Amino acid sequence: MPRPHELRDHPFQQTIYHRLTEAVASGRSPVKDFLALHLGDTLLDLPAEMNSPLEEENWDARWSRYGDPQGEIELRRRLVEKLQIVNGIPVSGPEELQLSFGATGGLHLIMRRLLDPGDEILTLSPYWAILRVVAKTAERKLVEVPFFDRVNAVSDEELPGLIEPYLSEKTRAIYFNTPNNPSGVALRPGQIKALAKFAAGNDLWIIADEAYEDFLWADFKHVCIASLPEAFERSVSVFSYSKSYAAAGLRLGYVAAPAGTIAALNPGQVGVGYEVNRPAQAAGLRGLARREAIIPRLRAQYLQGLQAAEENLDLPYLAPQGSYFLFLDLRDRWAGLGEEEKLERMLEAGVSLSPGEHFGHDYDGWARFCYTCEEPDRIAEAARRVSRL
């Protein structure tokens, strides 16, 4: 590790997202009405229901005091009910839940507390780009498995064949996110069962990223892998308020797992911040109580964005089954281009996308298009600009 003097002039590590944001802000694009779709964000404000107290609330006396580092008991009890009824996960009580600083914090807890340095995580890709940062800070190794762009071309019985070549004696876990960011592909129930069987056969932890659980557009049911009897004991399921409630600013997530697993995670939460801030938990409790009013409204808005994108895109992309995204195939247009050249082309076109190589080394030439961060008419215009890239 570096000594203090060695970091005196250490530069901030800029990602493509920083560079795109700065380029747009500095006016480098000749297009005045620039459309920034490179972040997986929402155009919606925090739902009003999350600012309105419930009748039975009694938080005022507790704002100034320390609480339960596992999370406030009222919220965990309601989350247990939601997990049982909506997700079919057989959690037995609030002891099988840990609140975290967003899903990001939950994933970091899992890597730090359940895995050792150098342990390998089979990572079904393309995958959420920030997972790389999480794994690096946790000193765990992601092993990328090209998957979501080819899983629907094989049978459920053949699915393990996509993953087995990447197994090693250091493999300890498998990570996947469905509906998937960035591809928009969602795994079918039979595919989920095949993954559960694969994990059990190789004695692996299952790290299930359920961030987009409420945004499935396909004609099949979303199945949480932890709802399968053979998978619950080895599953660590991570959920996020950022997506389901358009509440990324709250930094509120939660992890569901057997009680012993949660007991192993909890000291990690204590060590990095003790308890998730209580105002966020209060908002989370309100949102959960009014879930049936909030989620359908978000779904309807986002589906309008998806429709606007599909009606105006004139290039190939993976069939959208869920999440916030379309995964565009620009390989015939971006072949051989470096990151800076791609950035310049986007600035010239007046629209920004997330280059595919940030979601896995097999996806150079692809790009992620977010259709939930602008009004539908602006998404339609963005799709037309992208088609002219």
Protein backbone atom coordinates (compact mmCIF):
# COMPACT_ATOMS: atom_id res chain seq x y z
CA MET A 1 0.00 0.00 0.00
CA PRO A 2 1.23 3.54 -0.69
CA ARG A 3 2.76 5.83 1.92
CA PRO A 4 1.31 9.33 2.43
CA HIS A 5 3.88 11.17 0.30
CA GLU A 6 3.28 8.81 -2.61
CA LEU A 7 -0.32 10.01 -2.94
CA ARG A 8 0.44 13.72 -2.82
CA ASP A 9 -0.15 14.19 -6.55
CA HIS A 10 -2.28 11.12 -7.16
CA PRO A 11 -4.81 11.90 -9.94
CA PHE A 12 -8.51 11.15 -9.74
CA GLN A 13 -9.23 8.11 -11.90
CA GLN A 14 -11.62 9.27 -14.59
CA THR A 15 -13.98 6.78 -16.18
CA ILE A 16 -15.69 7.15 -19.56
CA TYR A 17 -18.73 8.39 -17.60
CA HIS A 18 -16.74 11.26 -16.08
CA ARG A 19 -15.26 12.17 -19.46
CA LEU A 20 -18.64 12.13 -21.18
CA THR A 21 -20.23 14.28 -18.49
CA GLU A 22 -17.37 16.80 -18.59
CA ALA A 23 -17.33 16.91 -22.40
CA VAL A 24 -21.06 17.65 -22.53
CA ALA A 25 -20.83 20.28 -19.78
CA SER A 26 -17.93 22.02 -21.51
CA GLY A 27 -19.89 22.41 -24.76
CA ARG A 28 -17.65 20.17 -26.86
CA SER A 29 -20.67 18.80 -28.69
CA PRO A 30 -21.87 20.87 -31.66
CA VAL A 31 -25.42 19.77 -30.80
CA LYS A 32 -27.00 22.17 -28.31
CA ASP A 33 -29.76 19.85 -27.11
CA PHE A 34 -27.47 17.01 -26.08
CA LEU A 35 -29.15 13.78 -24.95
CA ALA A 36 -27.14 11.99 -22.25
CA LEU A 37 -28.12 8.33 -21.97
CA HIS A 38 -24.87 6.93 -20.61
CA LEU A 39 -26.04 6.66 -16.99
CA GLY A 40 -28.62 4.11 -15.86
CA ASP A 41 -30.85 6.67 -14.23
CA THR A 42 -34.50 7.72 -14.03
CA LEU A 43 -36.27 10.89 -15.16
CA LEU A 44 -38.70 10.59 -12.25
CA ASP A 45 -38.59 12.32 -8.89
CA LEU A 46 -38.70 10.43 -5.62
CA PRO A 47 -42.28 9.12 -5.30
CA ALA A 48 -44.39 11.48 -3.17
CA GLU A 49 -45.60 8.48 -1.15
CA MET A 50 -42.10 8.11 0.30
CA ASN A 51 -42.21 11.62 1.78
CA SER A 52 -45.60 11.16 3.40
CA PRO A 53 -45.57 9.57 6.90
CA LEU A 54 -47.59 6.49 7.67
CA GLU A 55 -50.25 6.74 10.37
CA GLU A 56 -48.43 4.35 12.70
CA GLU A 57 -44.99 5.97 12.37
CA ASN A 58 -43.06 7.02 15.47
CA TRP A 59 -39.61 8.08 14.30
CA ASP A 60 -39.25 11.53 15.90
CA ALA A 61 -37.82 10.29 19.19
CA ARG A 62 -35.19 8.19 17.40
CA TRP A 63 -33.54 10.51 14.90
CA SER A 64 -30.74 11.41 17.32
CA ARG A 65 -29.99 7.90 18.55
CA TYR A 66 -28.12 4.88 17.30
CA GLY A 67 -30.29 2.07 15.99
CA ASP A 68 -29.96 -1.55 14.96
CA PRO A 69 -26.98 -2.04 12.59
CA GLN A 70 -28.96 -4.80 10.88
CA GLY A 71 -31.70 -2.27 10.07
CA GLU A 72 -34.78 -0.98 11.85
CA ILE A 73 -37.02 -3.85 12.89
CA GLU A 74 -40.23 -2.37 11.39
CA LEU A 75 -38.66 -2.17 7.95
CA ARG A 76 -37.12 -5.62 8.13
CA ARG A 77 -40.45 -7.15 9.17
CA ARG A 78 -42.22 -5.58 6.21
CA LEU A 79 -39.40 -6.68 3.89
CA VAL A 80 -39.78 -10.26 5.14
CA GLU A 81 -43.45 -10.16 4.13
CA LYS A 82 -42.56 -8.73 0.72
CA LEU A 83 -39.84 -11.35 0.12
CA GLN A 84 -42.18 -14.19 1.05
CA ILE A 85 -45.20 -12.99 -0.94
CA VAL A 86 -43.64 -11.28 -3.98
CA ASN A 87 -40.37 -13.16 -4.37
CA GLY A 88 -41.22 -16.55 -2.87
CA ILE A 89 -37.98 -16.53 -0.86
CA PRO A 90 -38.40 -18.62 2.33
CA VAL A 91 -36.95 -16.12 4.79
CA SER A 92 -38.32 -16.93 8.22
CA GLY A 93 -37.90 -13.59 9.97
CA PRO A 94 -36.02 -10.28 10.21
CA GLU A 95 -32.86 -12.07 11.36
CA GLU A 96 -32.45 -13.17 7.71
CA LEU A 97 -32.14 -9.60 6.42
CA GLN A 98 -29.33 -7.05 6.41
CA LEU A 99 -29.88 -3.48 5.24
CA SER A 100 -26.99 -1.98 3.26
CA PHE A 101 -25.80 1.20 1.58
CA GLY A 102 -27.60 0.44 -1.66
CA ALA A 103 -27.18 -2.83 -3.52
CA THR A 104 -23.56 -1.74 -4.07
CA GLY A 105 -22.91 -1.86 -0.34
CA GLY A 106 -24.59 -5.24 -0.09
CA LEU A 107 -22.40 -6.71 -2.83
CA HIS A 108 -19.29 -5.33 -1.15
CA LEU A 109 -20.34 -6.93 2.15
CA ILE A 110 -20.81 -10.28 0.43
CA MET A 111 -17.42 -10.23 -1.25
CA ARG A 112 -15.56 -9.10 1.87
CA ARG A 113 -17.27 -11.35 4.38
CA LEU A 114 -17.99 -14.57 2.48
CA LEU A 115 -14.98 -14.80 0.17
CA ASP A 116 -11.20 -14.66 0.66
CA PRO A 117 -8.66 -12.54 -1.26
CA GLY A 118 -7.99 -14.14 -4.62
CA ASP A 119 -11.22 -16.14 -4.66
CA GLU A 120 -12.83 -16.19 -8.10
CA ILE A 121 -16.40 -15.21 -8.89
CA LEU A 122 -17.90 -16.54 -12.12
CA THR A 123 -19.49 -13.36 -13.46
CA LEU A 124 -22.14 -13.82 -16.13
CA SER A 125 -21.53 -11.04 -18.61
CA PRO A 126 -22.19 -8.47 -19.80
CA TYR A 127 -22.50 -7.26 -16.25
CA TRP A 128 -22.98 -4.04 -14.27
CA ALA A 129 -19.81 -2.01 -14.79
CA ILE A 130 -19.36 -0.85 -11.18
CA LEU A 131 -19.12 -4.48 -10.06
CA ARG A 132 -15.49 -4.30 -11.21
CA VAL A 133 -14.83 -1.50 -8.73
CA VAL A 134 -16.62 -3.41 -5.96
CA ALA A 135 -14.53 -6.52 -6.61
CA LYS A 136 -11.27 -4.58 -6.84
CA THR A 137 -11.82 -2.78 -3.53
CA ALA A 138 -12.84 -6.10 -1.95
CA GLU A 139 -9.74 -7.77 -3.46
CA ARG A 140 -11.77 -10.51 -5.09
CA LYS A 141 -11.44 -11.63 -8.72
CA LEU A 142 -14.20 -11.50 -11.33
CA VAL A 143 -13.96 -14.18 -14.02
CA GLU A 144 -16.03 -12.97 -16.96
CA VAL A 145 -18.29 -15.56 -18.59
CA PRO A 146 -19.85 -14.36 -21.90
CA PHE A 147 -23.45 -15.30 -21.34
CA PHE A 148 -26.46 -13.04 -21.78
CA ASP A 149 -26.07 -12.54 -25.53
CA ARG A 150 -25.95 -16.31 -26.12
CA VAL A 151 -27.94 -18.00 -23.33
CA ASN A 152 -31.19 -18.05 -25.34
CA ALA A 153 -29.44 -19.93 -28.15
CA VAL A 154 -28.95 -23.03 -25.97
CA SER A 155 -31.33 -25.34 -24.12
CA ASP A 156 -31.60 -25.32 -20.34
CA GLU A 157 -29.66 -28.60 -20.27
CA GLU A 158 -26.87 -27.06 -22.36
CA LEU A 159 -26.64 -23.88 -20.27
CA PRO A 160 -23.90 -25.18 -17.92
CA GLY A 161 -21.70 -25.67 -20.98
CA LEU A 162 -21.44 -21.90 -21.31
CA ILE A 163 -20.00 -21.64 -17.79
CA GLU A 164 -17.99 -24.80 -17.10
CA PRO A 165 -14.88 -23.78 -19.13
CA TYR A 166 -14.34 -20.90 -16.69
CA LEU A 167 -14.33 -23.01 -13.52
CA SER A 168 -11.06 -23.34 -11.61
CA GLU A 169 -9.91 -24.59 -8.23
CA LYS A 170 -10.23 -20.97 -7.01
CA THR A 171 -13.89 -20.59 -8.01
CA ARG A 172 -16.05 -19.91 -4.98
CA ALA A 173 -19.13 -18.08 -6.27
CA ILE A 174 -21.29 -17.26 -9.26
CA TYR A 175 -22.79 -13.79 -9.81
CA PHE A 176 -25.62 -12.83 -12.12
CA ASN A 177 -28.13 -10.01 -12.52
CA THR A 178 -31.55 -10.63 -14.06
CA PRO A 179 -33.26 -8.77 -15.66
CA ASN A 180 -29.81 -7.83 -16.80
CA ASN A 181 -27.97 -4.54 -16.82
CA PRO A 182 -26.82 -3.80 -19.53
CA SER A 183 -28.29 -6.33 -21.96
CA GLY A 184 -31.99 -6.19 -21.05
CA VAL A 185 -32.07 -10.00 -21.21
CA ALA A 186 -34.02 -11.78 -18.45
CA LEU A 187 -33.50 -15.40 -17.44
CA ARG A 188 -36.43 -17.78 -17.76
CA PRO A 189 -37.50 -20.06 -14.89
CA GLY A 190 -35.85 -23.10 -16.50
CA GLN A 191 -32.59 -21.21 -16.90
CA ILE A 192 -32.69 -20.14 -13.25
CA LYS A 193 -33.16 -23.78 -12.22
CA ALA A 194 -30.19 -24.80 -14.39
CA LEU A 195 -28.00 -22.20 -12.66
CA ALA A 196 -29.12 -23.44 -9.24
CA LYS A 197 -28.21 -27.00 -10.17
CA PHE A 198 -24.83 -25.87 -11.53
CA ALA A 199 -24.03 -23.94 -8.34
CA ALA A 200 -25.03 -26.86 -6.11
CA GLY A 201 -23.00 -29.30 -8.16
CA ASN A 202 -19.88 -27.16 -7.75
CA ASP A 203 -20.57 -26.04 -4.15
CA LEU A 204 -20.65 -22.33 -5.05
CA TRP A 205 -22.16 -19.31 -3.38
CA ILE A 206 -24.89 -17.76 -5.51
CA ILE A 207 -24.76 -13.95 -5.58
CA ALA A 208 -28.13 -12.94 -7.05
CA ASP A 209 -28.44 -9.27 -8.03
CA GLU A 210 -32.18 -8.55 -8.04
CA ALA A 211 -31.96 -4.78 -8.70
CA TYR A 212 -34.41 -4.90 -11.63
CA GLU A 213 -36.84 -7.42 -10.15
CA ASP A 214 -39.86 -5.17 -10.84
CA PHE A 215 -39.05 -4.36 -14.47
CA LEU A 216 -39.63 -7.52 -16.47
CA TRP A 217 -41.34 -6.98 -19.84
CA ALA A 218 -41.34 -10.61 -21.06
CA ASP A 219 -44.25 -13.04 -20.96
CA PHE A 220 -42.74 -15.23 -18.24
CA LYS A 221 -42.48 -14.79 -14.48
CA HIS A 222 -39.40 -13.45 -12.75
CA VAL A 223 -38.07 -16.21 -10.49
CA CYS A 224 -35.66 -15.39 -7.69
CA ILE A 225 -33.13 -18.21 -7.50
CA ALA A 226 -33.31 -18.15 -3.69
CA SER A 227 -36.97 -19.22 -3.94
CA LEU A 228 -35.82 -22.65 -5.12
CA PRO A 229 -35.49 -25.08 -2.18
CA GLU A 230 -32.15 -26.40 -3.40
CA ALA A 231 -30.70 -22.89 -3.73
CA PHE A 232 -31.76 -20.92 -0.65
CA GLU A 233 -28.99 -22.11 1.68
CA ARG A 234 -26.24 -21.00 -0.72
CA SER A 235 -27.92 -17.86 -2.09
CA VAL A 236 -27.26 -14.27 -1.07
CA SER A 237 -29.92 -12.11 -2.76
CA VAL A 238 -29.33 -8.37 -3.14
CA PHE A 239 -32.18 -5.88 -3.67
CA SER A 240 -32.21 -2.14 -4.34
CA TYR A 241 -34.53 0.77 -3.65
CA SER A 242 -32.64 2.71 -6.34
CA LYS A 243 -34.52 0.98 -9.15
CA SER A 244 -37.78 -0.35 -7.72
CA TYR A 245 -38.66 3.00 -6.12
CA ALA A 246 -36.75 5.50 -8.31
CA ALA A 247 -34.79 6.33 -5.16
CA ALA A 248 -31.09 6.06 -5.97
CA GLY A 249 -30.30 9.05 -3.76
CA LEU A 250 -31.44 7.21 -0.62
CA ARG A 251 -28.62 4.64 -0.96
CA LEU A 252 -30.86 1.96 0.48
CA GLY A 253 -30.52 -1.73 -0.30
CA TYR A 254 -31.00 -5.03 1.50
CA VAL A 255 -29.58 -8.53 1.48
CA ALA A 256 -31.63 -11.68 2.11
CA ALA A 257 -29.97 -14.94 3.13
CA PRO A 258 -30.11 -17.65 5.82
CA ALA A 259 -29.58 -16.34 9.35
CA GLY A 260 -26.03 -17.68 9.64
CA THR A 261 -25.00 -15.94 6.43
CA ILE A 262 -26.52 -12.64 7.60
CA ALA A 263 -24.68 -13.03 10.92
CA ALA A 264 -21.43 -13.30 8.95
CA LEU A 265 -22.24 -10.18 6.89
CA ASN A 266 -23.32 -7.94 9.78
CA PRO A 267 -19.87 -7.09 11.22
CA GLY A 268 -18.89 -5.76 7.82
CA GLN A 269 -21.84 -3.36 7.90
CA VAL A 270 -20.91 -2.23 11.42
CA GLY A 271 -17.34 -1.60 10.30
CA VAL A 272 -18.13 0.62 7.32
CA GLY A 273 -20.97 2.75 8.69
CA TYR A 274 -22.88 0.98 11.46
CA GLU A 275 -26.51 1.47 10.43
CA VAL A 276 -27.99 2.66 7.14
CA ASN A 277 -29.20 6.22 7.80
CA ARG A 278 -32.60 6.23 9.44
CA PRO A 279 -34.29 8.89 7.25
CA ALA A 280 -33.65 6.62 4.26
CA GLN A 281 -35.13 3.70 6.17
CA ALA A 282 -38.21 5.76 7.05
CA ALA A 283 -38.69 6.56 3.35
CA GLY A 284 -38.11 2.91 2.53
CA LEU A 285 -40.80 1.80 4.97
CA ARG A 286 -43.29 4.25 3.44
CA GLY A 287 -42.46 3.11 -0.08
CA LEU A 288 -42.83 -0.53 0.81
CA ALA A 289 -46.23 0.08 2.41
CA ARG A 290 -47.37 1.82 -0.80
CA ARG A 291 -45.60 -0.47 -3.22
CA GLU A 292 -48.78 -1.29 -5.15
CA ALA A 293 -49.25 2.38 -6.05
CA ILE A 294 -45.61 3.16 -6.90
CA ILE A 295 -44.35 0.22 -8.97
CA PRO A 296 -47.12 0.19 -11.64
CA ARG A 297 -46.65 3.93 -12.19
CA LEU A 298 -42.92 3.52 -12.76
CA ARG A 299 -43.47 0.54 -15.07
CA ALA A 300 -45.95 2.44 -17.23
CA GLN A 301 -43.57 5.39 -17.61
CA TYR A 302 -40.58 3.22 -18.49
CA LEU A 303 -42.52 1.15 -21.00
CA GLN A 304 -43.33 4.37 -22.88
CA GLY A 305 -39.60 5.04 -23.10
CA LEU A 306 -38.92 1.53 -24.37
CA GLN A 307 -41.62 1.86 -27.02
CA ALA A 308 -40.24 5.23 -28.15
CA ALA A 309 -36.77 3.75 -28.50
CA GLU A 310 -37.83 0.67 -30.42
CA GLU A 311 -40.01 2.62 -32.84
CA ASN A 312 -37.10 4.86 -33.81
CA LEU A 313 -34.01 2.65 -33.71
CA ASP A 314 -32.66 1.45 -37.04
CA LEU A 315 -29.87 -0.89 -35.97
CA PRO A 316 -29.59 -4.33 -34.32
CA TYR A 317 -29.98 -4.87 -30.57
CA LEU A 318 -30.80 -7.68 -28.18
CA ALA A 319 -34.50 -8.31 -27.61
CA PRO A 320 -35.52 -6.28 -24.53
CA GLN A 321 -37.01 -8.45 -21.79
CA GLY A 322 -36.49 -6.21 -18.78
CA SER A 323 -34.39 -3.64 -16.87
CA TYR A 324 -33.85 -0.04 -18.13
CA PHE A 325 -31.74 -0.82 -21.17
CA LEU A 326 -31.30 -1.83 -24.77
CA PHE A 327 -27.94 -3.35 -25.75
CA LEU A 328 -27.06 -2.08 -29.20
CA ASP A 329 -24.85 -3.96 -31.63
CA LEU A 330 -22.59 -1.30 -33.20
CA ARG A 331 -19.77 -3.65 -34.15
CA ASP A 332 -20.05 -2.89 -37.85
CA ARG A 333 -19.84 0.87 -37.11
CA TRP A 334 -17.37 0.96 -34.21
CA ALA A 335 -14.96 -1.77 -35.35
CA GLY A 336 -11.39 -0.74 -34.57
CA LEU A 337 -12.34 2.48 -32.78
CA GLY A 338 -10.74 3.42 -29.49
CA GLU A 339 -12.65 4.88 -26.56
CA GLU A 340 -11.75 8.48 -27.42
CA GLU A 341 -12.94 8.05 -31.02
CA LYS A 342 -16.24 6.63 -29.80
CA LEU A 343 -16.62 9.57 -27.44
CA GLU A 344 -16.04 12.05 -30.28
CA ARG A 345 -18.61 10.35 -32.50
CA MET A 346 -21.18 10.52 -29.74
CA LEU A 347 -20.46 14.20 -29.17
CA GLU A 348 -20.89 14.86 -32.89
CA ALA A 349 -24.20 12.96 -32.92
CA GLY A 350 -25.52 14.73 -29.80
CA VAL A 351 -26.19 11.57 -27.81
CA SER A 352 -24.14 9.57 -25.32
CA LEU A 353 -24.21 5.82 -24.70
CA SER A 354 -22.20 3.52 -22.43
CA PRO A 355 -19.58 1.68 -24.52
CA GLY A 356 -19.95 -2.07 -24.25
CA GLU A 357 -16.38 -2.90 -23.24
CA HIS A 358 -17.13 -1.48 -19.78
CA PHE A 359 -19.58 -4.35 -19.24
CA GLY A 360 -17.17 -7.13 -20.19
CA HIS A 361 -14.13 -7.62 -22.40
CA ASP A 362 -16.17 -9.56 -24.99
CA TYR A 363 -18.47 -6.60 -25.69
CA ASP A 364 -16.32 -4.05 -27.46
CA GLY A 365 -18.48 -2.64 -30.26
CA TRP A 366 -21.70 -2.89 -28.27
CA ALA A 367 -23.31 0.01 -26.39
CA ARG A 368 -25.92 0.41 -23.65
CA PHE A 369 -28.91 2.69 -24.36
CA CYS A 370 -30.87 3.83 -21.26
CA TYR A 371 -34.51 4.62 -22.09
CA THR A 372 -35.66 5.65 -18.60
CA CYS A 373 -33.64 8.84 -18.09
CA GLU A 374 -35.60 11.17 -20.45
CA GLU A 375 -39.19 11.76 -21.53
CA PRO A 376 -40.39 9.44 -24.34
CA ASP A 377 -40.22 12.13 -27.05
CA ARG A 378 -36.57 12.79 -26.19
CA ILE A 379 -35.84 9.05 -26.11
CA ALA A 380 -37.32 8.84 -29.62
CA GLU A 381 -34.99 11.61 -30.79
CA ALA A 382 -32.04 9.93 -29.11
CA ALA A 383 -32.86 6.69 -30.94
CA ARG A 384 -32.87 8.54 -34.26
CA ARG A 385 -29.51 10.12 -33.50
CA VAL A 386 -28.02 6.78 -32.47
CA SER A 387 -29.25 5.24 -35.72
CA ARG A 388 -27.18 7.86 -37.58
CA LEU A 389 -24.01 7.28 -35.56
